[in-house]
C-alpha atoms as a PDB file:
ATOM      1  CA  MET A   1      61.612  34.559  43.079  1.00  0.00           C
ATOM      2  CA  LYS A   2      61.932  38.308  43.498  1.00  0.00           C
ATOM      3  CA  ALA A   3      64.492  37.866  40.137  1.00  0.00           C
ATOM      4  CA  LEU A   4      61.766  36.176  38.182  1.00  0.00           C
ATOM      5  CA  ILE A   5      59.365  39.134  38.530  1.00  0.00           C
ATOM      6  CA  VAL A   6      61.884  41.834  38.121  1.00  0.00           C
ATOM      7  CA  VAL A   7      63.025  40.129  34.802  1.00  0.00           C
ATOM      8  CA  VAL A   8      59.501  40.221  33.752  1.00  0.00           C
ATOM      9  CA  LEU A   9      58.784  43.201  33.880  1.00  0.00           C
ATOM     10  CA  VAL A  10      61.905  43.880  31.957  1.00  0.00           C
ATOM     11  CA  LEU A  11      60.404  41.937  29.161  1.00  0.00           C
ATOM     12  CA  ILE A  12      56.841  43.753  29.008  1.00  0.00           C
ATOM     13  CA  ILE A  13      59.469  47.296  28.866  1.00  0.00           C
ATOM     14  CA  VAL A  14      60.933  46.120  26.158  1.00  0.00           C
ATOM     15  CA  ALA A  15      57.890  44.869  23.817  1.00  0.00           C
ATOM     16  CA  LEU A  16      56.346  47.920  25.026  1.00  0.00           C
ATOM     17  CA  ALA A  17      59.470  50.190  23.362  1.00  0.00           C
ATOM     18  CA  SER A  18      59.400  48.198  21.101  1.00  0.00           C
ATOM     19  CA  ALA A  19      56.168  48.860  19.556  1.00  0.00           C
ATOM     20  CA  GLY A  20      56.408  52.177  19.728  1.00  0.00           C
ATOM     21  CA  ARG A  21      59.708  52.363  17.895  1.00  0.00           C
ATOM     22  CA  ALA A  22      57.258  49.843  15.141  1.00  0.00           C
ATOM     23  CA  MET A  23      54.502  52.674  15.121  1.00  0.00           C
ATOM     24  CA  LEU A  24      56.740  55.722  15.354  1.00  0.00           C
ATOM     25  CA  ARG A  25      59.073  53.595  12.163  1.00  0.00           C
ATOM     26  CA  SER A  26      55.296  53.259  10.165  1.00  0.00           C
ATOM     27  CA  GLN A  27      54.381  56.537  10.788  1.00  0.00           C
ATOM     28  CA  ARG A  28      57.059  58.370   9.624  1.00  0.00           C
ATOM     29  CA  ASP A  29      57.399  55.960   6.743  1.00  0.00           C
ATOM     30  CA  GLY A  30      53.278  56.871   5.641  1.00  0.00           C
ATOM     31  CA  LYS A  31      52.369  53.164   5.585  1.00  0.00           C
ATOM     32  CA  ALA A  32      50.207  51.211   7.476  1.00  0.00           C
ATOM     33  CA  ALA A  33      50.510  49.957  10.925  1.00  0.00           C
ATOM     34  CA  ASP A  34      53.137  47.297  11.241  1.00  0.00           C
ATOM     35  CA  PRO A  35      51.771  44.104  11.944  1.00  0.00           C
ATOM     36  CA  ARG A  36      55.452  43.945  14.425  1.00  0.00           C
ATOM     37  CA  MET A  37      53.496  46.467  16.239  1.00  0.00           C
ATOM     38  CA  ALA A  38      50.557  44.060  16.889  1.00  0.00           C
ATOM     39  CA  ARG A  39      52.589  41.461  17.365  1.00  0.00           C
ATOM     40  CA  ALA A  40      54.632  43.575  20.124  1.00  0.00           C
ATOM     41  CA  LEU A  41      51.556  44.576  22.043  1.00  0.00           C
ATOM     42  CA  ALA A  42      50.485  41.298  21.871  1.00  0.00           C
ATOM     43  CA  LEU A  43      53.308  39.794  23.601  1.00  0.00           C
ATOM     44  CA  ARG A  44      52.911  42.482  26.325  1.00  0.00           C
ATOM     45  CA  VAL A  45      49.436  42.139  27.091  1.00  0.00           C
ATOM     46  CA  GLY A  46      50.426  37.881  27.649  1.00  0.00           C
ATOM     47  CA  LEU A  47      53.477  38.890  29.381  1.00  0.00           C
ATOM     48  CA  SER A  48      51.563  41.131  31.561  1.00  0.00           C
ATOM     49  CA  ILE A  49      48.594  38.645  32.345  1.00  0.00           C
ATOM     50  CA  ALA A  50      50.930  35.734  32.412  1.00  0.00           C
ATOM     51  CA  LEU A  51      53.010  37.802  35.802  1.00  0.00           C
ATOM     52  CA  PHE A  52      49.790  38.631  37.104  1.00  0.00           C
ATOM     53  CA  LEU A  53      48.749  34.854  36.776  1.00  0.00           C
ATOM     54  CA  PHE A  54      52.195  33.997  38.367  1.00  0.00           C
ATOM     55  CA  ILE A  55      51.867  36.148  41.231  1.00  0.00           C
ATOM     56  CA  LEU A  56      48.544  35.201  42.476  1.00  0.00           C
ATOM     57  CA  LEU A  57      49.853  31.509  42.333  1.00  0.00           C
ATOM     58  CA  ALA A  58      52.840  32.712  44.249  1.00  0.00           C
ATOM     59  CA  TRP A  59      51.332  34.303  47.397  1.00  0.00           C
ATOM     60  CA  ARG A  60      48.758  30.729  47.124  1.00  0.00           C
ATOM     61  CA  MET A  61      51.709  28.463  47.147  1.00  0.00           C
ATOM     62  CA  GLY A  62      53.048  30.526  50.010  1.00  0.00           C
ATOM     63  CA  TRP A  63      56.378  31.418  48.016  1.00  0.00           C
ATOM     64  CA  ILE A  64      55.372  35.024  48.795  1.00  0.00           C
ATOM     65  CA  GLN A  65      53.928  37.173  51.889  1.00  0.00           C
ATOM     66  CA  PRO A  66      52.667  40.506  51.315  1.00  0.00           C
ATOM     67  CA  SER A  67      54.675  42.582  53.215  1.00  0.00           C
ATOM     68  CA  GLY A  68      52.214  45.352  53.549  1.00  0.00           C
ATOM     69  CA  LEU A  69      52.256  48.944  54.299  1.00  0.00           C
ATOM     70  CA  PRO A  70      51.938  50.550  57.736  1.00  0.00           C
ATOM     71  CA  LEU A  71      49.563  52.482  58.095  1.00  0.00           C
ATOM     72  CA  SER A  72      50.929  54.709  61.577  1.00  0.00           C
ATOM     73  CA  ARG A  73      53.856  54.351  63.413  1.00  0.00           C
END
């Protein structure tokens, strides 16, 4: 379960880096915004929403439990 969450987080970071690379490349060439940048950002948003919904589902199904933070020692 934790490995799946980590893999999706890594994919989100890769999509963000890809969008940043496309943005920098289009600025350097003086062209308009690259459609690859918009696609990468849309993928990142979709992955983030899917991860959030998956964590909510996993919590409701009892697959994961919140550990909480200790408020005092």
